[in-house]
Protein backbone atom coordinates (compact mmCIF):
# COMPACT_ATOMS: atom_id res chain seq x y z
CA MET A 1 164.99 -162.98 254.06
CA VAL A 2 168.48 -161.47 254.22
CA PRO A 3 170.74 -162.63 251.38
CA LYS A 4 173.85 -164.49 252.48
CA HIS A 5 176.78 -164.53 250.11
CA ILE A 6 180.12 -166.19 250.47
CA VAL A 7 183.07 -164.20 249.14
CA SER A 8 186.36 -165.91 248.45
CA ALA A 9 189.75 -164.76 247.22
CA ALA A 10 192.24 -166.88 245.27
CA THR A 11 195.60 -166.10 243.73
CA ILE A 12 197.36 -167.43 240.69
CA VAL A 13 200.95 -167.23 241.96
CA VAL A 14 203.55 -167.15 239.18
CA ASN A 15 207.27 -167.47 239.99
CA GLU A 16 210.29 -166.08 238.14
CA CYS A 17 210.41 -169.24 235.97
CA ASN A 18 206.82 -168.58 234.77
CA GLU A 19 205.54 -171.58 236.76
CA ILE A 20 202.22 -171.61 238.62
CA LEU A 21 201.77 -172.52 242.28
CA LEU A 22 199.27 -175.34 242.78
CA ILE A 23 198.19 -176.94 246.02
CA LYS A 24 196.58 -180.36 246.29
CA GLY A 25 193.60 -180.19 248.60
CA PRO A 26 191.91 -183.18 250.23
CA TRP A 27 188.62 -182.73 248.28
CA ARG A 28 189.17 -181.01 244.96
CA GLY A 29 192.62 -182.16 243.94
CA TRP A 30 195.05 -179.64 242.45
CA GLU A 31 193.96 -175.99 242.60
CA MET A 32 195.15 -172.46 243.24
CA PRO A 33 195.38 -171.35 246.88
CA GLY A 34 192.44 -169.36 248.19
CA GLY A 35 189.51 -169.31 250.53
CA GLN A 36 186.80 -167.38 252.27
CA VAL A 37 187.22 -163.68 253.06
CA GLU A 38 186.81 -163.02 256.76
CA GLU A 39 184.69 -160.25 258.26
CA GLY A 40 186.54 -156.93 258.16
CA GLU A 41 189.21 -158.27 255.78
CA SER A 42 190.01 -156.92 252.33
CA LEU A 43 189.88 -159.22 249.30
CA LYS A 44 193.61 -158.71 248.71
CA ASP A 45 194.53 -159.42 252.33
CA ALA A 46 192.40 -162.58 252.26
CA ALA A 47 194.22 -163.80 249.14
CA ILE A 48 197.59 -163.25 250.84
CA ARG A 49 196.48 -164.85 254.14
CA GLU A 50 194.90 -167.89 252.51
CA THR A 51 198.05 -168.63 250.50
CA LYS A 52 200.20 -168.36 253.64
CA GLU A 53 197.83 -170.53 255.71
CA GLU A 54 197.41 -173.20 253.07
CA CYS A 55 201.00 -173.68 251.92
CA GLY A 56 203.39 -171.46 253.90
CA LEU A 57 204.26 -169.09 251.04
CA ASP A 58 204.37 -165.31 251.43
CA ILE A 59 203.07 -163.60 248.30
CA GLU A 60 202.61 -160.14 246.87
CA VAL A 61 199.39 -159.52 244.96
CA THR A 62 200.27 -157.84 241.68
CA LYS A 63 196.89 -157.53 239.97
CA PHE A 64 193.15 -157.96 240.43
CA CYS A 65 191.94 -160.15 237.55
CA GLY A 66 188.20 -160.59 237.94
CA ILE A 67 185.26 -162.40 239.49
CA PHE A 68 183.54 -165.74 238.95
CA GLN A 69 180.06 -165.71 240.51
CA ASN A 70 178.29 -168.98 241.25
CA VAL A 71 174.78 -167.52 241.22
CA SER A 72 172.99 -170.68 242.39
CA GLU A 73 175.30 -171.12 245.40
CA CYS A 74 175.59 -167.37 246.25
CA ILE A 75 179.40 -167.49 246.02
CA CYS A 76 181.59 -164.73 244.60
CA ASN A 77 185.14 -165.89 243.82
CA THR A 78 187.58 -163.02 243.37
CA LEU A 79 190.82 -163.80 241.54
CA PHE A 80 194.24 -162.18 241.67
CA LEU A 81 197.68 -162.60 240.16
CA GLY A 82 200.62 -162.66 242.54
CA ARG A 83 204.25 -163.58 242.99
CA PRO A 84 206.16 -165.32 245.78
CA VAL A 85 208.18 -163.04 248.08
CA GLY A 86 209.13 -165.36 250.96
CA GLY A 87 208.22 -168.25 253.17
CA GLU A 88 208.59 -171.86 252.08
CA LEU A 89 206.19 -174.47 250.81
CA VAL A 90 204.78 -176.70 253.54
CA THR A 91 201.93 -179.17 253.78
CA THR A 92 198.88 -178.49 255.95
CA PRO A 93 195.48 -180.17 256.46
CA GLU A 94 194.23 -178.02 253.54
CA CYS A 95 197.31 -178.68 251.39
CA LEU A 96 198.53 -182.26 251.06
CA GLU A 97 201.12 -181.26 248.41
CA ALA A 98 202.28 -177.99 246.89
CA GLY A 99 204.60 -176.99 244.11
CA PHE A 100 205.31 -174.79 241.13
CA PHE A 101 204.52 -176.30 237.74
CA PRO A 102 204.94 -175.18 234.12
CA ILE A 103 201.70 -173.55 232.92
CA GLU A 104 200.63 -176.28 230.47
CA GLU A 105 201.33 -179.04 233.00
CA ALA A 106 199.52 -177.12 235.74
CA LEU A 107 196.42 -176.64 233.58
CA GLU A 108 196.29 -180.39 232.91
CA MET A 109 196.49 -181.10 236.65
CA VAL A 110 193.53 -178.88 237.58
CA THR A 111 190.32 -180.84 237.04
CA TRP A 112 187.78 -179.44 239.55
CA LYS A 113 184.76 -177.78 237.91
CA ASN A 114 185.77 -174.47 236.26
CA PHE A 115 189.04 -173.94 238.17
CA ARG A 116 191.12 -174.47 235.02
CA GLN A 117 189.10 -171.77 233.24
CA ARG A 118 189.69 -169.41 236.18
CA ILE A 119 193.45 -169.88 235.86
CA GLU A 120 193.33 -169.42 232.07
CA PHE A 121 191.34 -166.17 232.46
CA CYS A 122 193.82 -164.85 235.05
CA LEU A 123 196.77 -165.60 232.77
CA ASN A 124 195.15 -163.81 229.80
CA GLU A 125 195.49 -160.10 230.56
CA GLU A 126 193.35 -159.19 227.54
CA LEU A 127 190.34 -160.54 229.48
CA HIS A 128 190.95 -158.39 232.59
CA PRO A 129 188.86 -157.47 234.38
CA PHE A 130 186.44 -160.33 233.81
CA TYR A 131 183.06 -161.09 235.32
CA VAL A 132 181.73 -164.61 234.78
CA GLU A 133 178.31 -165.73 236.02
CA PHE A 134 177.44 -169.40 236.25
CA SER A 135 175.04 -171.66 238.12
CA LEU A 136 176.02 -175.04 239.43
CA SER A 137 175.68 -176.78 242.72
CA LYS A 138 178.58 -177.92 244.86
């Protein structure tokens, strides 16, 4: 049997006011933009593309933060920090709402599984780079 892993890339986008970009998806509620890395695509390029596709914002990736690996589901989630450099926030089928929120407010809004922990780890540079293994089903 050939192992099949899913690799994703997400970005914690922080603006000049130290606010975090969150998008509201149709299934998981408020979260950071991100998604699956396509064949032949770099992790960084996937993070940039996914943010643009999901909410219309152009970003610059400023730092690789770490990886959360869902061992039971064979998913590796790579996480980056970034900043907005252009575009404008729009809604899409993957993003019902989008906006920048103060950090504490943003953390309260994110309730899906360990997504809040992922954001907290990205914002704490003392933890970089991090590697977190966990097992949980979808």
